[in-house]
PDB file of N, CA and C in Angstrom:
ATOM      1  N   MET A   1       2.613  -5.392  -7.051  1.00  0.00           N
ATOM      2  CA  MET A   1       1.364  -5.381  -6.976  1.00  0.00           C
ATOM      3  C   MET A   1       1.835  -6.344  -5.310  1.00  0.00           C
ATOM      4  N   ASN A   2       0.354  -6.136  -4.099  1.00  0.00           N
ATOM      5  CA  ASN A   2       0.937  -6.813  -3.209  1.00  0.00           C
ATOM      6  C   ASN A   2      -1.033  -6.971  -3.183  1.00  0.00           C
ATOM      7  N   CYS A   3      -1.002  -7.832  -1.989  1.00  0.00           N
ATOM      8  CA  CYS A   3      -2.455  -8.571  -1.796  1.00  0.00           C
ATOM      9  C   CYS A   3      -3.767  -7.189  -1.033  1.00  0.00           C
ATOM     10  N   LEU A   4      -3.085  -5.771  -1.129  1.00  0.00           N
ATOM     11  CA  LEU A   4      -4.031  -4.797  -0.519  1.00  0.00           C
ATOM     12  C   LEU A   4      -4.008  -3.971  -1.581  1.00  0.00           C
ATOM     13  N   GLN A   5      -3.677  -3.501  -2.413  1.00  0.00           N
ATOM     14  CA  GLN A   5      -3.557  -2.407  -3.549  1.00  0.00           C
ATOM     15  C   GLN A   5      -2.764  -2.643  -4.304  1.00  0.00           C
ATOM     16  N   LYS A   6      -2.912  -1.458  -5.267  1.00  0.00           N
ATOM     17  CA  LYS A   6      -2.064  -1.730  -6.264  1.00  0.00           C
ATOM     18  C   LYS A   6      -0.967  -0.438  -5.729  1.00  0.00           C
ATOM     19  N   PRO A   7       0.479  -0.809  -5.904  1.00  0.00           N
ATOM     20  CA  PRO A   7       1.594   0.068  -5.583  1.00  0.00           C
ATOM     21  C   PRO A   7       1.501   1.226  -6.429  1.00  0.00           C
ATOM     22  N   ARG A   8       0.999   1.831  -7.432  1.00  0.00           N
ATOM     23  CA  ARG A   8       0.993   2.926  -7.285  1.00  0.00           C
ATOM     24  C   ARG A   8      -0.576   3.940  -7.524  1.00  0.00           C
ATOM     25  N   GLU A   9      -1.123   3.249  -6.387  1.00  0.00           N
ATOM     26  CA  GLU A   9      -2.733   4.199  -6.192  1.00  0.00           C
ATOM     27  C   GLU A   9      -2.543   5.548  -5.896  1.00  0.00           C
ATOM     28  N   LYS A  10      -3.113   6.439  -6.206  1.00  0.00           N
ATOM     29  CA  LYS A  10      -3.295   7.911  -6.207  1.00  0.00           C
ATOM     30  C   LYS A  10      -3.252   7.790  -4.727  1.00  0.00           C
ATOM     31  N   ILE A  11      -2.655   9.254  -3.923  1.00  0.00           N
ATOM     32  CA  ILE A  11      -3.191   9.483  -2.467  1.00  0.00           C
ATOM     33  C   ILE A  11      -4.072   9.932  -2.893  1.00  0.00           C
ATOM     34  N   LYS A  12      -5.352  10.238  -1.772  1.00  0.00           N
ATOM     35  CA  LYS A  12      -6.818  10.379  -1.803  1.00  0.00           C
ATOM     36  C   LYS A  12      -7.004  11.471  -1.130  1.00  0.00           C
ATOM     37  N   ALA A  13      -6.081  11.948   0.120  1.00  0.00           N
ATOM     38  CA  ALA A  13      -6.401  12.546   0.927  1.00  0.00           C
ATOM     39  C   ALA A  13      -5.981  14.125   0.189  1.00  0.00           C
ATOM     40  N   LYS A  14      -6.581  15.346   0.765  1.00  0.00           N
ATOM     41  CA  LYS A  14      -6.144  16.696   0.180  1.00  0.00           C
ATOM     42  C   LYS A  14      -4.966  16.919   1.153  1.00  0.00           C
ATOM     43  N   ALA A  15      -5.424  17.306   2.542  1.00  0.00           N
ATOM     44  CA  ALA A  15      -4.658  17.936   2.921  1.00  0.00           C
ATOM     45  C   ALA A  15      -3.244  17.436   2.922  1.00  0.00           C
ATOM     46  N   PHE A  16      -2.343  18.092   3.410  1.00  0.00           N
ATOM     47  CA  PHE A  16      -0.462  17.617   3.775  1.00  0.00           C
ATOM     48  C   PHE A  16      -0.836  16.455   4.654  1.00  0.00           C
ATOM     49  N   GLU A  17      -1.417  17.219   5.753  1.00  0.00           N
ATOM     50  CA  GLU A  17      -1.197  16.394   7.020  1.00  0.00           C
ATOM     51  C   GLU A  17      -1.764  15.087   6.499  1.00  0.00           C
ATOM     52  N   ARG A  18      -3.195  14.854   5.995  1.00  0.00           N
ATOM     53  CA  ARG A  18      -3.676  13.527   6.368  1.00  0.00           C
ATOM     54  C   ARG A  18      -3.374  12.823   5.177  1.00  0.00           C
ATOM     55  N   GLN A  19      -2.415  13.606   3.871  1.00  0.00           N
ATOM     56  CA  GLN A  19      -1.178  12.578   3.031  1.00  0.00           C
ATOM     57  C   GLN A  19      -0.089  11.891   3.793  1.00  0.00           C
ATOM     58  N   VAL A  20       0.294  12.795   4.750  1.00  0.00           N
ATOM     59  CA  VAL A  20       1.007  11.978   5.438  1.00  0.00           C
ATOM     60  C   VAL A  20       1.353  10.312   6.407  1.00  0.00           C
ATOM     61  N   VAL A  21      -0.207  10.906   6.824  1.00  0.00           N
ATOM     62  CA  VAL A  21      -0.780   9.882   8.134  1.00  0.00           C
ATOM     63  C   VAL A  21      -1.627   8.569   6.880  1.00  0.00           C
ATOM     64  N   GLU A  22      -1.891   9.358   5.666  1.00  0.00           N
ATOM     65  CA  GLU A  22      -2.028   7.839   4.873  1.00  0.00           C
ATOM     66  C   GLU A  22      -1.423   7.083   4.111  1.00  0.00           C
ATOM     67  N   LEU A  23       0.199   7.931   3.403  1.00  0.00           N
ATOM     68  CA  LEU A  23       1.372   7.486   3.662  1.00  0.00           C
ATOM     69  C   LEU A  23       1.914   6.649   4.506  1.00  0.00           C
ATOM     70  N   ASN A  24       1.768   6.896   5.678  1.00  0.00           N
ATOM     71  CA  ASN A  24       2.520   6.047   6.779  1.00  0.00           C
ATOM     72  C   ASN A  24       1.699   4.734   6.943  1.00  0.00           C
ATOM     73  N   VAL A  25       0.348   4.664   7.045  1.00  0.00           N
ATOM     74  CA  VAL A  25      -0.368   3.682   7.162  1.00  0.00           C
ATOM     75  C   VAL A  25      -0.290   2.681   5.992  1.00  0.00           C
ATOM     76  N   ARG A  26      -0.154   3.597   4.556  1.00  0.00           N
ATOM     77  CA  ARG A  26       0.362   2.413   3.967  1.00  0.00           C
ATOM     78  C   ARG A  26       1.230   1.836   3.824  1.00  0.00           C
ATOM     79  N   ALA A  27       2.541   2.418   4.370  1.00  0.00           N
ATOM     80  CA  ALA A  27       3.811   2.007   4.745  1.00  0.00           C
ATOM     81  C   ALA A  27       4.077   0.589   5.701  1.00  0.00           C
ATOM     82  N   ALA A  28       3.049   0.589   6.713  1.00  0.00           N
ATOM     83  CA  ALA A  28       3.015   0.181   7.742  1.00  0.00           C
ATOM     84  C   ALA A  28       1.765  -1.525   6.946  1.00  0.00           C
ATOM     85  N   ILE A  29       1.379  -0.628   6.431  1.00  0.00           N
ATOM     86  CA  ILE A  29       0.475  -1.840   5.758  1.00  0.00           C
ATOM     87  C   ILE A  29       1.122  -3.139   4.899  1.00  0.00           C
ATOM     88  N   TRP A  30       2.326  -2.422   4.139  1.00  0.00           N
ATOM     89  CA  TRP A  30       3.248  -2.748   3.066  1.00  0.00           C
ATOM     90  C   TRP A  30       3.991  -3.862   4.136  1.00  0.00           C
ATOM     91  N   ASN A  31       4.445  -3.097   5.148  1.00  0.00           N
ATOM     92  CA  ASN A  31       5.795  -3.689   5.508  1.00  0.00           C
ATOM     93  C   ASN A  31       4.946  -4.965   6.280  1.00  0.00           C
ATOM     94  N   ARG A  32       3.636  -4.773   7.152  1.00  0.00           N
ATOM     95  CA  ARG A  32       3.021  -5.989   7.762  1.00  0.00           C
ATOM     96  C   ARG A  32       2.957  -7.077   6.535  1.00  0.00           C
ATOM     97  N   LEU A  33       2.954  -6.982   5.603  1.00  0.00           N
ATOM     98  CA  LEU A  33       2.767  -7.794   4.389  1.00  0.00           C
ATOM     99  C   LEU A  33       3.258  -8.825   4.384  1.00  0.00           C
ATOM    100  N   THR A  34       4.770  -7.771   3.913  1.00  0.00           N
ATOM    101  CA  THR A  34       5.936  -8.278   3.658  1.00  0.00           C
ATOM    102  C   THR A  34       6.545  -9.114   4.587  1.00  0.00           C
ATOM    103  N   GLN A  35       6.591  -9.172   5.710  1.00  0.00           N
ATOM    104  CA  GLN A  35       6.736 -10.146   6.995  1.00  0.00           C
ATOM    105  C   GLN A  35       5.864 -11.322   7.034  1.00  0.00           C
ATOM    106  N   LEU A  36       4.572 -11.098   6.327  1.00  0.00           N
ATOM    107  CA  LEU A  36       3.812 -12.028   6.208  1.00  0.00           C
ATOM    108  C   LEU A  36       4.239 -13.146   5.112  1.00  0.00           C
ATOM    109  N   ASP A  37       4.886 -12.255   4.625  1.00  0.00           N
ATOM    110  CA  ASP A  37       5.310 -13.215   3.027  1.00  0.00           C
ATOM    111  C   ASP A  37       4.177 -13.048   2.013  1.00  0.00           C
ATOM    112  N   CYS A  38       3.358 -11.986   2.019  1.00  0.00           N
ATOM    113  CA  CYS A  38       1.925 -11.974   1.384  1.00  0.00           C
ATOM    114  C   CYS A  38       2.410 -12.315  -0.254  1.00  0.00           C
ATOM    115  N   PRO A  39       1.976 -13.378  -0.897  1.00  0.00           N
ATOM    116  CA  PRO A  39       2.084 -13.657  -2.289  1.00  0.00           C
ATOM    117  C   PRO A  39       1.621 -12.493  -2.730  1.00  0.00           C
ATOM    118  N   ASN A  40       2.118 -11.831  -4.275  1.00  0.00           N
ATOM    119  CA  ASN A  40       1.945 -10.844  -4.905  1.00  0.00           C
ATOM    120  C   ASN A  40       0.747 -11.617  -5.954  1.00  0.00           C
ATOM    121  N   SER A  41      -0.249 -10.589  -6.648  1.00  0.00           N
ATOM    122  CA  SER A  41      -1.095 -10.966  -6.953  1.00  0.00           C
ATOM    123  C   SER A  41      -0.830 -10.379  -8.381  1.00  0.00           C
ATOM    124  N   GLY A  42      -2.122 -10.338  -9.327  1.00  0.00           N
ATOM    125  CA  GLY A  42      -1.588  -9.987 -10.856  1.00  0.00           C
ATOM    126  C   GLY A  42      -1.912 -10.838 -11.672  1.00  0.00           C
ATOM    127  N   ALA A  43      -1.384 -10.460 -13.039  1.00  0.00           N
ATOM    128  CA  ALA A  43      -2.259 -11.227 -14.223  1.00  0.00           C
ATOM    129  C   ALA A  43      -1.374 -12.357 -14.648  1.00  0.00           C
ATOM    130  N   VAL A  44      -1.589 -13.497 -14.397  1.00  0.00           N
ATOM    131  CA  VAL A  44      -0.539 -14.260 -15.275  1.00  0.00           C
ATOM    132  C   VAL A  44      -0.891 -14.948 -16.464  1.00  0.00           C
ATOM    133  N   GLY A  45       0.684 -15.357 -16.604  1.00  0.00           N
ATOM    134  CA  GLY A  45       0.490 -15.438 -18.125  1.00  0.00           C
ATOM    135  C   GLY A  45       1.089 -14.966 -19.209  1.00  0.00           C
TER     136      GLY A  45
END
């Protein structure tokens, strides 16, 4: 998991073109968070 969303969250867009855009945005956000060394969130213990 990351700071922003669950990694297995479903695609919300219905049209294929919008799905491509949504996944590209998610990838860009994931890459940015990785560059920032954002700590993982989740259950402890």
